[in-house]
Amino acid sequence: MYTIFSVLIIITCILLLLVVLVQNPKGGGLSATFGGGNQVMGVKKTADFLEKATWYLAIALLFFSLMSNLSISSKVDENGQNESIIQQQLDETPIPTQSLPALPIQEAPAE
């Protein structure tokens, strides 16, 4: 399930990137290209469409991010609390038993 959300997040990011790059902050961009008077979608409608698409894609990205977080599997420990699989792997990883070399200790000079 997490993989599905990851793919949806990547697709949403690419679409959001394209929609934002098409827009021009000074009123030009794609909306200026369709500036003819006989166009079905005029300048205003194109700008409105791009703005709405940006908002919808941003909300979709937030939704997919939250859902991917909820889809990460976890186990319940004996206290009834959720423990992530990553934390379990960290707990099971052996700690090296080699001792670190001792650092030389310098005594402060007497005043």
PDB file of N, CA and C in Angstrom:
ATOM      1  N   MET A   1       0.832  -1.187   0.000  1.00  0.00           N
ATOM      2  CA  MET A   1       0.000   0.000   0.000  1.00  0.00           C
ATOM      3  C   MET A   1       0.883   1.259   0.000  1.00  0.00           C
ATOM      4  N   TYR A   2       1.977   1.186   0.748  1.00  0.00           N
ATOM      5  CA  TYR A   2       2.889   2.320   0.815  1.00  0.00           C
ATOM      6  C   TYR A   2       3.473   2.629  -0.561  1.00  0.00           C
ATOM      7  N   THR A   3       3.734   1.574  -1.346  1.00  0.00           N
ATOM      8  CA  THR A   3       4.301   1.766  -2.677  1.00  0.00           C
ATOM      9  C   THR A   3       3.328   2.507  -3.590  1.00  0.00           C
ATOM     10  N   ILE A   4       2.052   2.194  -3.465  1.00  0.00           N
ATOM     11  CA  ILE A   4       1.041   2.873  -4.283  1.00  0.00           C
ATOM     12  C   ILE A   4       1.023   4.363  -3.960  1.00  0.00           C
ATOM     13  N   PHE A   5       1.040   4.684  -2.673  1.00  0.00           N
ATOM     14  CA  PHE A   5       1.042   6.093  -2.278  1.00  0.00           C
ATOM     15  C   PHE A   5       2.329   6.789  -2.709  1.00  0.00           C
ATOM     16  N   SER A   6       3.443   6.086  -2.681  1.00  0.00           N
ATOM     17  CA  SER A   6       4.703   6.683  -3.122  1.00  0.00           C
ATOM     18  C   SER A   6       4.648   7.038  -4.607  1.00  0.00           C
ATOM     19  N   VAL A   7       4.085   6.147  -5.407  1.00  0.00           N
ATOM     20  CA  VAL A   7       3.960   6.415  -6.841  1.00  0.00           C
ATOM     21  C   VAL A   7       3.006   7.587  -7.074  1.00  0.00           C
ATOM     22  N   LEU A   8       1.884   7.625  -6.339  1.00  0.00           N
ATOM     23  CA  LEU A   8       0.941   8.735  -6.485  1.00  0.00           C
ATOM     24  C   LEU A   8       1.574  10.064  -6.065  1.00  0.00           C
ATOM     25  N   ILE A   9       2.412  10.040  -5.043  1.00  0.00           N
ATOM     26  CA  ILE A   9       3.097  11.259  -4.595  1.00  0.00           C
ATOM     27  C   ILE A   9       4.054  11.756  -5.683  1.00  0.00           C
ATOM     28  N   ILE A  10       4.784  10.845  -6.293  1.00  0.00           N
ATOM     29  CA  ILE A  10       5.734  11.242  -7.346  1.00  0.00           C
ATOM     30  C   ILE A  10       4.992  11.813  -8.554  1.00  0.00           C
ATOM     31  N   ILE A  11       3.891  11.161  -8.955  1.00  0.00           N
ATOM     32  CA  ILE A  11       3.107  11.663 -10.093  1.00  0.00           C
ATOM     33  C   ILE A  11       2.532  13.039  -9.779  1.00  0.00           C
ATOM     34  N   THR A  12       2.008  13.203  -8.561  1.00  0.00           N
ATOM     35  CA  THR A  12       1.445  14.497  -8.163  1.00  0.00           C
ATOM     36  C   THR A  12       2.521  15.581  -8.148  1.00  0.00           C
ATOM     37  N   CYS A  13       3.699  15.257  -7.671  1.00  0.00           N
ATOM     38  CA  CYS A  13       4.791  16.240  -7.651  1.00  0.00           C
ATOM     39  C   CYS A  13       5.184  16.665  -9.066  1.00  0.00           C
ATOM     40  N   ILE A  14       5.249  15.720  -9.982  1.00  0.00           N
ATOM     41  CA  ILE A  14       5.611  16.064 -11.357  1.00  0.00           C
ATOM     42  C   ILE A  14       4.543  16.952 -11.986  1.00  0.00           C
ATOM     43  N   LEU A  15       3.268  16.598 -11.773  1.00  0.00           N
ATOM     44  CA  LEU A  15       2.187  17.426 -12.319  1.00  0.00           C
ATOM     45  C   LEU A  15       2.177  18.820 -11.697  1.00  0.00           C
ATOM     46  N   LEU A  16       2.399  18.888 -10.395  1.00  0.00           N
ATOM     47  CA  LEU A  16       2.434  20.190  -9.719  1.00  0.00           C
ATOM     48  C   LEU A  16       3.592  21.034 -10.233  1.00  0.00           C
ATOM     49  N   LEU A  17       4.721  20.405 -10.457  1.00  0.00           N
ATOM     50  CA  LEU A  17       5.872  21.116 -11.006  1.00  0.00           C
ATOM     51  C   LEU A  17       5.560  21.685 -12.385  1.00  0.00           C
ATOM     52  N   LEU A  18       4.929  20.890 -13.237  1.00  0.00           N
ATOM     53  CA  LEU A  18       4.585  21.361 -14.582  1.00  0.00           C
ATOM     54  C   LEU A  18       3.563  22.495 -14.554  1.00  0.00           C
ATOM     55  N   VAL A  19       2.552  22.379 -13.691  1.00  0.00           N
ATOM     56  CA  VAL A  19       1.525  23.423 -13.612  1.00  0.00           C
ATOM     57  C   VAL A  19       2.123  24.725 -13.101  1.00  0.00           C
ATOM     58  N   VAL A  20       3.002  24.634 -12.119  1.00  0.00           N
ATOM     59  CA  VAL A  20       3.608  25.860 -11.569  1.00  0.00           C
ATOM     60  C   VAL A  20       4.550  26.496 -12.593  1.00  0.00           C
ATOM     61  N   LEU A  21       5.290  25.683 -13.338  1.00  0.00           N
ATOM     62  CA  LEU A  21       6.209  26.251 -14.323  1.00  0.00           C
ATOM     63  C   LEU A  21       5.477  26.869 -15.514  1.00  0.00           C
ATOM     64  N   VAL A  22       4.275  26.405 -15.815  1.00  0.00           N
ATOM     65  CA  VAL A  22       3.510  26.978 -16.922  1.00  0.00           C
ATOM     66  C   VAL A  22       3.030  28.374 -16.563  1.00  0.00           C
ATOM     67  N   GLN A  23       2.766  28.597 -15.283  1.00  0.00           N
ATOM     68  CA  GLN A  23       2.256  29.908 -14.861  1.00  0.00           C
ATOM     69  C   GLN A  23       3.355  30.955 -14.927  1.00  0.00           C
ATOM     70  N   ASN A  24       2.959  32.198 -15.191  1.00  0.00           N
ATOM     71  CA  ASN A  24       3.885  33.320 -15.181  1.00  0.00           C
ATOM     72  C   ASN A  24       3.370  34.301 -14.143  1.00  0.00           C
ATOM     73  N   PRO A  25       4.182  34.683 -13.163  1.00  0.00           N
ATOM     74  CA  PRO A  25       3.684  35.542 -12.095  1.00  0.00           C
ATOM     75  C   PRO A  25       3.279  36.939 -12.550  1.00  0.00           C
ATOM     76  N   LYS A  26       3.687  37.359 -13.730  1.00  0.00           N
ATOM     77  CA  LYS A  26       3.360  38.715 -14.185  1.00  0.00           C
ATOM     78  C   LYS A  26       2.197  38.720 -15.166  1.00  0.00           C
ATOM     79  N   GLY A  27       1.415  37.654 -15.208  1.00  0.00           N
ATOM     80  CA  GLY A  27       0.247  37.629 -16.066  1.00  0.00           C
ATOM     81  C   GLY A  27       0.500  37.102 -17.452  1.00  0.00           C
ATOM     82  N   GLY A  28       1.711  36.671 -17.747  1.00  0.00           N
ATOM     83  CA  GLY A  28       2.012  36.132 -19.073  1.00  0.00           C
ATOM     84  C   GLY A  28       1.891  34.631 -19.058  1.00  0.00           C
ATOM     85  N   GLY A  29       2.878  33.952 -19.550  1.00  0.00           N
ATOM     86  CA  GLY A  29       2.880  32.503 -19.540  1.00  0.00           C
ATOM     87  C   GLY A  29       1.900  31.924 -20.532  1.00  0.00           C
ATOM     88  N   LEU A  30       1.303  30.803 -20.184  1.00  0.00           N
ATOM     89  CA  LEU A  30       0.378  30.127 -21.070  1.00  0.00           C
ATOM     90  C   LEU A  30      -0.864  30.964 -21.325  1.00  0.00           C
ATOM     91  N   SER A  31      -1.305  31.713 -20.309  1.00  0.00           N
ATOM     92  CA  SER A  31      -2.509  32.528 -20.482  1.00  0.00           C
ATOM     93  C   SER A  31      -2.283  33.648 -21.499  1.00  0.00           C
ATOM     94  N   ALA A  32      -1.070  34.153 -21.630  1.00  0.00           N
ATOM     95  CA  ALA A  32      -0.776  35.194 -22.619  1.00  0.00           C
ATOM     96  C   ALA A  32      -0.716  34.610 -24.026  1.00  0.00           C
ATOM     97  N   THR A  33      -0.391  33.324 -24.127  1.00  0.00           N
ATOM     98  CA  THR A  33      -0.328  32.672 -25.429  1.00  0.00           C
ATOM     99  C   THR A  33      -1.708  32.590 -26.059  1.00  0.00           C
ATOM    100  N   PHE A  34      -2.732  32.380 -25.237  1.00  0.00           N
ATOM    101  CA  PHE A  34      -4.102  32.277 -25.729  1.00  0.00           C
ATOM    102  C   PHE A  34      -4.811  33.621 -25.641  1.00  0.00           C
ATOM    103  N   GLY A  35      -4.182  34.657 -26.042  1.00  0.00           N
ATOM    104  CA  GLY A  35      -4.733  35.996 -25.905  1.00  0.00           C
ATOM    105  C   GLY A  35      -5.675  36.419 -27.004  1.00  0.00           C
ATOM    106  N   GLY A  36      -5.966  35.543 -27.952  1.00  0.00           N
ATOM    107  CA  GLY A  36      -6.844  35.908 -29.061  1.00  0.00           C
ATOM    108  C   GLY A  36      -8.273  36.119 -28.596  1.00  0.00           C
ATOM    109  N   GLY A  37      -9.031  36.938 -29.329  1.00  0.00           N
ATOM    110  CA  GLY A  37     -10.386  37.253 -28.935  1.00  0.00           C
ATOM    111  C   GLY A  37     -11.379  36.137 -29.218  1.00  0.00           C
ATOM    112  N   ASN A  38     -11.083  35.225 -30.127  1.00  0.00           N
ATOM    113  CA  ASN A  38     -12.031  34.186 -30.498  1.00  0.00           C
ATOM    114  C   ASN A  38     -11.735  32.855 -29.817  1.00  0.00           C
ATOM    115  N   GLN A  39     -10.987  32.874 -28.768  1.00  0.00           N
ATOM    116  CA  GLN A  39     -10.645  31.641 -28.080  1.00  0.00           C
ATOM    117  C   GLN A  39     -11.806  31.181 -27.210  1.00  0.00           C
ATOM    118  N   VAL A  40     -11.961  29.853 -27.102  1.00  0.00           N
ATOM    119  CA  VAL A  40     -13.012  29.298 -26.242  1.00  0.00           C
ATOM    120  C   VAL A  40     -12.638  29.531 -24.785  1.00  0.00           C
ATOM    121  N   MET A  41     -11.396  29.227 -24.450  1.00  0.00           N
ATOM    122  CA  MET A  41     -10.903  29.514 -23.105  1.00  0.00           C
ATOM    123  C   MET A  41     -10.056  30.774 -23.196  1.00  0.00           C
ATOM    124  N   GLY A  42     -10.520  31.835 -22.613  1.00  0.00           N
ATOM    125  CA  GLY A  42      -9.789  33.096 -22.688  1.00  0.00           C
ATOM    126  C   GLY A  42      -8.646  33.136 -21.708  1.00  0.00           C
ATOM    127  N   VAL A  43      -8.016  34.296 -21.608  1.00  0.00           N
ATOM    128  CA  VAL A  43      -6.874  34.487 -20.717  1.00  0.00           C
ATOM    129  C   VAL A  43      -7.285  34.271 -19.271  1.00  0.00           C
ATOM    130  N   LYS A  44      -8.385  34.820 -18.880  1.00  0.00           N
ATOM    131  CA  LYS A  44      -8.842  34.724 -17.502  1.00  0.00           C
ATOM    132  C   LYS A  44      -9.158  33.288 -17.120  1.00  0.00           C
ATOM    133  N   LYS A  45      -9.824  32.556 -18.037  1.00  0.00           N
ATOM    134  CA  LYS A  45     -10.199  31.184 -17.727  1.00  0.00           C
ATOM    135  C   LYS A  45      -8.974  30.275 -17.642  1.00  0.00           C
ATOM    136  N   THR A  46      -7.962  30.528 -18.471  1.00  0.00           N
ATOM    137  CA  THR A  46      -6.743  29.730 -18.419  1.00  0.00           C
ATOM    138  C   THR A  46      -6.017  29.968 -17.109  1.00  0.00           C
ATOM    139  N   ALA A  47      -5.927  31.203 -16.680  1.00  0.00           N
ATOM    140  CA  ALA A  47      -5.266  31.521 -15.417  1.00  0.00           C
ATOM    141  C   ALA A  47      -6.035  30.910 -14.242  1.00  0.00           C
ATOM    142  N   ASP A  48      -7.371  30.968 -14.305  1.00  0.00           N
ATOM    143  CA  ASP A  48      -8.182  30.368 -13.241  1.00  0.00           C
ATOM    144  C   ASP A  48      -7.986  28.857 -13.197  1.00  0.00           C
ATOM    145  N   PHE A  49      -7.940  28.227 -14.372  1.00  0.00           N
ATOM    146  CA  PHE A  49      -7.737  26.779 -14.427  1.00  0.00           C
ATOM    147  C   PHE A  49      -6.389  26.392 -13.816  1.00  0.00           C
ATOM    148  N   LEU A  50      -5.337  27.130 -14.165  1.00  0.00           N
ATOM    149  CA  LEU A  50      -4.010  26.809 -13.636  1.00  0.00           C
ATOM    150  C   LEU A  50      -3.943  27.031 -12.134  1.00  0.00           C
ATOM    151  N   GLU A  51      -4.612  28.078 -11.645  1.00  0.00           N
ATOM    152  CA  GLU A  51      -4.614  28.320 -10.202  1.00  0.00           C
ATOM    153  C   GLU A  51      -5.372  27.221  -9.466  1.00  0.00           C
ATOM    154  N   LYS A  52      -6.523  26.820  -9.987  1.00  0.00           N
ATOM    155  CA  LYS A  52      -7.282  25.744  -9.358  1.00  0.00           C
ATOM    156  C   LYS A  52      -6.528  24.421  -9.409  1.00  0.00           C
ATOM    157  N   ALA A  53      -5.861  24.162 -10.534  1.00  0.00           N
ATOM    158  CA  ALA A  53      -5.076  22.935 -10.655  1.00  0.00           C
ATOM    159  C   ALA A  53      -3.943  22.916  -9.638  1.00  0.00           C
ATOM    160  N   THR A  54      -3.326  24.065  -9.400  1.00  0.00           N
ATOM    161  CA  THR A  54      -2.258  24.146  -8.404  1.00  0.00           C
ATOM    162  C   THR A  54      -2.789  23.817  -7.017  1.00  0.00           C
ATOM    163  N   TRP A  55      -3.929  24.389  -6.663  1.00  0.00           N
ATOM    164  CA  TRP A  55      -4.514  24.127  -5.343  1.00  0.00           C
ATOM    165  C   TRP A  55      -4.918  22.668  -5.192  1.00  0.00           C
ATOM    166  N   TYR A  56      -5.576  22.110  -6.208  1.00  0.00           N
ATOM    167  CA  TYR A  56      -6.014  20.711  -6.127  1.00  0.00           C
ATOM    168  C   TYR A  56      -4.826  19.754  -6.035  1.00  0.00           C
ATOM    169  N   LEU A  57      -3.791  20.018  -6.794  1.00  0.00           N
ATOM    170  CA  LEU A  57      -2.610  19.154  -6.732  1.00  0.00           C
ATOM    171  C   LEU A  57      -1.884  19.283  -5.402  1.00  0.00           C
ATOM    172  N   ALA A  58      -1.837  20.485  -4.832  1.00  0.00           N
ATOM    173  CA  ALA A  58      -1.195  20.671  -3.523  1.00  0.00           C
ATOM    174  C   ALA A  58      -1.978  19.940  -2.436  1.00  0.00           C
ATOM    175  N   ILE A  59      -3.302  20.002  -2.498  1.00  0.00           N
ATOM    176  CA  ILE A  59      -4.126  19.285  -1.519  1.00  0.00           C
ATOM    177  C   ILE A  59      -3.981  17.776  -1.702  1.00  0.00           C
ATOM    178  N   ALA A  60      -3.916  17.326  -2.950  1.00  0.00           N
ATOM    179  CA  ALA A  60      -3.716  15.897  -3.210  1.00  0.00           C
ATOM    180  C   ALA A  60      -2.365  15.429  -2.683  1.00  0.00           C
ATOM    181  N   LEU A  61      -1.350  16.247  -2.840  1.00  0.00           N
ATOM    182  CA  LEU A  61      -0.022  15.892  -2.328  1.00  0.00           C
ATOM    183  C   LEU A  61      -0.039  15.767  -0.812  1.00  0.00           C
ATOM    184  N   LEU A  62      -0.697  16.681  -0.146  1.00  0.00           N
ATOM    185  CA  LEU A  62      -0.824  16.607   1.314  1.00  0.00           C
ATOM    186  C   LEU A  62      -1.586  15.350   1.722  1.00  0.00           C
ATOM    187  N   PHE A  63      -2.686  15.065   1.040  1.00  0.00           N
ATOM    188  CA  PHE A  63      -3.494  13.887   1.349  1.00  0.00           C
ATOM    189  C   PHE A  63      -2.688  12.598   1.153  1.00  0.00           C
ATOM    190  N   PHE A  64      -1.997  12.466   0.020  1.00  0.00           N
ATOM    191  CA  PHE A  64      -1.221  11.257  -0.246  1.00  0.00           C
ATOM    192  C   PHE A  64      -0.079  11.105   0.751  1.00  0.00           C
ATOM    193  N   SER A  65       0.519  12.208   1.175  1.00  0.00           N
ATOM    194  CA  SER A  65       1.594  12.138   2.165  1.00  0.00           C
ATOM    195  C   SER A  65       1.073  11.626   3.502  1.00  0.00           C
ATOM    196  N   LEU A  66      -0.077  12.141   3.924  1.00  0.00           N
ATOM    197  CA  LEU A  66      -0.657  11.675   5.185  1.00  0.00           C
ATOM    198  C   LEU A  66      -1.082  10.212   5.098  1.00  0.00           C
ATOM    199  N   MET A  67      -1.670   9.832   3.985  1.00  0.00           N
ATOM    200  CA  MET A  67      -2.111   8.447   3.837  1.00  0.00           C
ATOM    201  C   MET A  67      -0.924   7.482   3.760  1.00  0.00           C
ATOM    202  N   SER A  68       0.176   7.914   3.166  1.00  0.00           N
ATOM    203  CA  SER A  68       1.347   7.038   3.119  1.00  0.00           C
ATOM    204  C   SER A  68       1.925   6.841   4.513  1.00  0.00           C
ATOM    205  N   ASN A  69       1.839   7.869   5.340  1.00  0.00           N
ATOM    206  CA  ASN A  69       2.310   7.734   6.708  1.00  0.00           C
ATOM    207  C   ASN A  69       1.442   6.750   7.484  1.00  0.00           C
ATOM    208  N   LEU A  70       0.143   6.778   7.246  1.00  0.00           N
ATOM    209  CA  LEU A  70      -0.759   5.856   7.937  1.00  0.00           C
ATOM    210  C   LEU A  70      -0.628   4.426   7.425  1.00  0.00           C
ATOM    211  N   SER A  71      -0.169   4.262   6.197  1.00  0.00           N
ATOM    212  CA  SER A  71      -0.071   2.923   5.627  1.00  0.00           C
ATOM    213  C   SER A  71       1.218   2.203   6.011  1.00  0.00           C
ATOM    214  N   ILE A  72       2.143   2.889   6.641  1.00  0.00           N
ATOM    215  CA  ILE A  72       3.368   2.234   7.080  1.00  0.00           C
ATOM    216  C   ILE A  72       3.003   1.263   8.187  1.00  0.00           C
ATOM    217  N   SER A  73       3.410   0.016   8.022  1.00  0.00           N
ATOM    218  CA  SER A  73       3.022  -0.999   8.995  1.00  0.00           C
ATOM    219  C   SER A  73       3.809  -0.833  10.287  1.00  0.00           C
ATOM    220  N   SER A  74       3.143  -1.159  11.364  1.00  0.00           N
ATOM    221  CA  SER A  74       3.777  -1.115  12.676  1.00  0.00           C
ATOM    222  C   SER A  74       3.241  -2.272  13.492  1.00  0.00           C
ATOM    223  N   LYS A  75       3.950  -2.634  14.535  1.00  0.00           N
ATOM    224  CA  LYS A  75       3.479  -3.715  15.394  1.00  0.00           C
ATOM    225  C   LYS A  75       3.150  -3.132  16.762  1.00  0.00           C
ATOM    226  N   VAL A  76       2.324  -3.846  17.486  1.00  0.00           N
ATOM    227  CA  VAL A  76       1.914  -3.405  18.813  1.00  0.00           C
ATOM    228  C   VAL A  76       2.740  -4.176  19.824  1.00  0.00           C
ATOM    229  N   ASP A  77       3.423  -3.452  20.731  1.00  0.00           N
ATOM    230  CA  ASP A  77       4.228  -4.129  21.739  1.00  0.00           C
ATOM    231  C   ASP A  77       3.353  -4.604  22.892  1.00  0.00           C
ATOM    232  N   GLU A  78       3.976  -5.195  23.911  1.00  0.00           N
ATOM    233  CA  GLU A  78       3.214  -5.767  25.027  1.00  0.00           C
ATOM    234  C   GLU A  78       2.488  -4.713  25.855  1.00  0.00           C
ATOM    235  N   ASN A  79       2.873  -3.451  25.770  1.00  0.00           N
ATOM    236  CA  ASN A  79       2.184  -2.379  26.496  1.00  0.00           C
ATOM    237  C   ASN A  79       1.002  -1.813  25.710  1.00  0.00           C
ATOM    238  N   GLY A  80       0.757  -2.313  24.515  1.00  0.00           N
ATOM    239  CA  GLY A  80      -0.350  -1.830  23.699  1.00  0.00           C
ATOM    240  C   GLY A  80      -0.008  -0.609  22.872  1.00  0.00           C
ATOM    241  N   GLN A  81       1.266  -0.230  22.822  1.00  0.00           N
ATOM    242  CA  GLN A  81       1.681   0.929  22.044  1.00  0.00           C
ATOM    243  C   GLN A  81       2.250   0.471  20.709  1.00  0.00           C
ATOM    244  N   ASN A  82       2.052   1.295  19.700  1.00  0.00           N
ATOM    245  CA  ASN A  82       2.591   0.975  18.377  1.00  0.00           C
ATOM    246  C   ASN A  82       4.091   1.178  18.373  1.00  0.00           C
ATOM    247  N   GLU A  83       4.776   0.220  17.772  1.00  0.00           N
ATOM    248  CA  GLU A  83       6.221   0.327  17.622  1.00  0.00           C
ATOM    249  C   GLU A  83       6.533   0.167  16.144  1.00  0.00           C
ATOM    250  N   SER A  84       7.271   1.090  15.588  1.00  0.00           N
ATOM    251  CA  SER A  84       7.536   1.026  14.155  1.00  0.00           C
ATOM    252  C   SER A  84       8.538  -0.085  13.852  1.00  0.00           C
ATOM    253  N   ILE A  85       8.489  -0.534  12.621  1.00  0.00           N
ATOM    254  CA  ILE A  85       9.404  -1.587  12.187  1.00  0.00           C
ATOM    255  C   ILE A  85      10.835  -1.067  12.180  1.00  0.00           C
ATOM    256  N   ILE A  86      11.008   0.202  11.866  1.00  0.00           N
ATOM    257  CA  ILE A  86      12.351   0.788  11.867  1.00  0.00           C
ATOM    258  C   ILE A  86      12.926   0.772  13.276  1.00  0.00           C
ATOM    259  N   GLN A  87      12.100   1.133  14.278  1.00  0.00           N
ATOM    260  CA  GLN A  87      12.568   1.109  15.660  1.00  0.00           C
ATOM    261  C   GLN A  87      12.897  -0.314  16.087  1.00  0.00           C
ATOM    262  N   GLN A  88      12.111  -1.272  15.635  1.00  0.00           N
ATOM    263  CA  GLN A  88      12.376  -2.672  15.960  1.00  0.00           C
ATOM    264  C   GLN A  88      13.721  -3.100  15.379  1.00  0.00           C
ATOM    265  N   GLN A  89      14.003  -2.716  14.139  1.00  0.00           N
ATOM    266  CA  GLN A  89      15.287  -3.069  13.530  1.00  0.00           C
ATOM    267  C   GLN A  89      16.441  -2.408  14.260  1.00  0.00           C
ATOM    268  N   LEU A  90      16.243  -1.166  14.711  1.00  0.00           N
ATOM    269  CA  LEU A  90      17.295  -0.489  15.471  1.00  0.00           C
ATOM    270  C   LEU A  90      17.544  -1.190  16.796  1.00  0.00           C
ATOM    271  N   ASP A  91      16.470  -1.651  17.433  1.00  0.00           N
ATOM    272  CA  ASP A  91      16.629  -2.342  18.718  1.00  0.00           C
ATOM    273  C   ASP A  91      17.328  -3.680  18.553  1.00  0.00           C
ATOM    274  N   GLU A  92      17.125  -4.343  17.416  1.00  0.00           N
ATOM    275  CA  GLU A  92      17.723  -5.654  17.184  1.00  0.00           C
ATOM    276  C   GLU A  92      19.143  -5.579  16.630  1.00  0.00           C
ATOM    277  N   THR A  93      19.586  -4.418  16.205  1.00  0.00           N
ATOM    278  CA  THR A  93      20.929  -4.263  15.658  1.00  0.00           C
ATOM    279  C   THR A  93      21.952  -4.386  16.780  1.00  0.00           C
ATOM    280  N   PRO A  94      22.930  -5.278  16.603  1.00  0.00           N
ATOM    281  CA  PRO A  94      23.926  -5.437  17.670  1.00  0.00           C
ATOM    282  C   PRO A  94      24.818  -4.200  17.785  1.00  0.00           C
ATOM    283  N   ILE A  95      25.122  -3.870  19.000  1.00  0.00           N
ATOM    284  CA  ILE A  95      26.006  -2.735  19.276  1.00  0.00           C
ATOM    285  C   ILE A  95      27.433  -3.262  19.306  1.00  0.00           C
ATOM    286  N   PRO A  96      28.350  -2.618  18.619  1.00  0.00           N
ATOM    287  CA  PRO A  96      29.748  -3.083  18.634  1.00  0.00           C
ATOM    288  C   PRO A  96      30.297  -3.082  20.059  1.00  0.00           C
ATOM    289  N   THR A  97      31.041  -4.159  20.375  1.00  0.00           N
ATOM    290  CA  THR A  97      31.563  -4.282  21.742  1.00  0.00           C
ATOM    291  C   THR A  97      32.999  -3.808  21.864  1.00  0.00           C
ATOM    292  N   GLN A  98      33.591  -3.391  20.776  1.00  0.00           N
ATOM    293  CA  GLN A  98      34.956  -2.890  20.848  1.00  0.00           C
ATOM    294  C   GLN A  98      34.964  -1.581  21.631  1.00  0.00           C
ATOM    295  N   SER A  99      35.957  -1.466  22.469  1.00  0.00           N
ATOM    296  CA  SER A  99      36.055  -0.222  23.222  1.00  0.00           C
ATOM    297  C   SER A  99      36.797   0.817  22.376  1.00  0.00           C
ATOM    298  N   LEU A 100      36.413   2.026  22.550  1.00  0.00           N
ATOM    299  CA  LEU A 100      37.060   3.115  21.841  1.00  0.00           C
ATOM    300  C   LEU A 100      38.399   3.421  22.495  1.00  0.00           C
ATOM    301  N   PRO A 101      39.357   3.888  21.714  1.00  0.00           N
ATOM    302  CA  PRO A 101      40.640   4.227  22.321  1.00  0.00           C
ATOM    303  C   PRO A 101      40.471   5.385  23.300  1.00  0.00           C
ATOM    304  N   ALA A 102      41.207   5.285  24.381  1.00  0.00           N
ATOM    305  CA  ALA A 102      41.114   6.321  25.408  1.00  0.00           C
ATOM    306  C   ALA A 102      41.802   7.596  24.934  1.00  0.00           C
ATOM    307  N   LEU A 103      41.203   8.696  25.205  1.00  0.00           N
ATOM    308  CA  LEU A 103      41.791   9.983  24.854  1.00  0.00           C
ATOM    309  C   LEU A 103      42.733  10.412  25.986  1.00  0.00           C
ATOM    310  N   PRO A 104      43.849  10.998  25.617  1.00  0.00           N
ATOM    311  CA  PRO A 104      44.757  11.460  26.669  1.00  0.00           C
ATOM    312  C   PRO A 104      44.100  12.608  27.463  1.00  0.00           C
ATOM    313  N   ILE A 105      44.196  12.524  28.745  1.00  0.00           N
ATOM    314  CA  ILE A 105      43.606  13.549  29.604  1.00  0.00           C
ATOM    315  C   ILE A 105      44.720  14.513  30.014  1.00  0.00           C
ATOM    316  N   GLN A 106      44.487  15.771  29.754  1.00  0.00           N
ATOM    317  CA  GLN A 106      45.470  16.781  30.131  1.00  0.00           C
ATOM    318  C   GLN A 106      44.977  17.455  31.413  1.00  0.00           C
ATOM    319  N   GLU A 107      45.861  17.523  32.329  1.00  0.00           N
ATOM    320  CA  GLU A 107      45.494  18.187  33.574  1.00  0.00           C
ATOM    321  C   GLU A 107      45.655  19.685  33.412  1.00  0.00           C
ATOM    322  N   ALA A 108      44.784  20.390  34.057  1.00  0.00           N
ATOM    323  CA  ALA A 108      44.853  21.854  34.019  1.00  0.00           C
ATOM    324  C   ALA A 108      46.079  22.320  34.807  1.00  0.00           C
ATOM    325  N   PRO A 109      46.786  23.313  34.294  1.00  0.00           N
ATOM    326  CA  PRO A 109      47.972  23.787  35.026  1.00  0.00           C
ATOM    327  C   PRO A 109      47.542  24.471  36.348  1.00  0.00           C
ATOM    328  N   ALA A 110      48.337  24.259  37.331  1.00  0.00           N
ATOM    329  CA  ALA A 110      48.050  24.861  38.663  1.00  0.00           C
ATOM    330  C   ALA A 110      48.324  26.348  38.601  1.00  0.00           C
ATOM    331  N   GLU A 111      47.465  27.088  39.245  1.00  0.00           N
ATOM    332  CA  GLU A 111      47.628  28.536  39.231  1.00  0.00           C
ATOM    333  C   GLU A 111      48.334  29.027  40.451  1.00  0.00           C
TER     334      GLU A 111
END
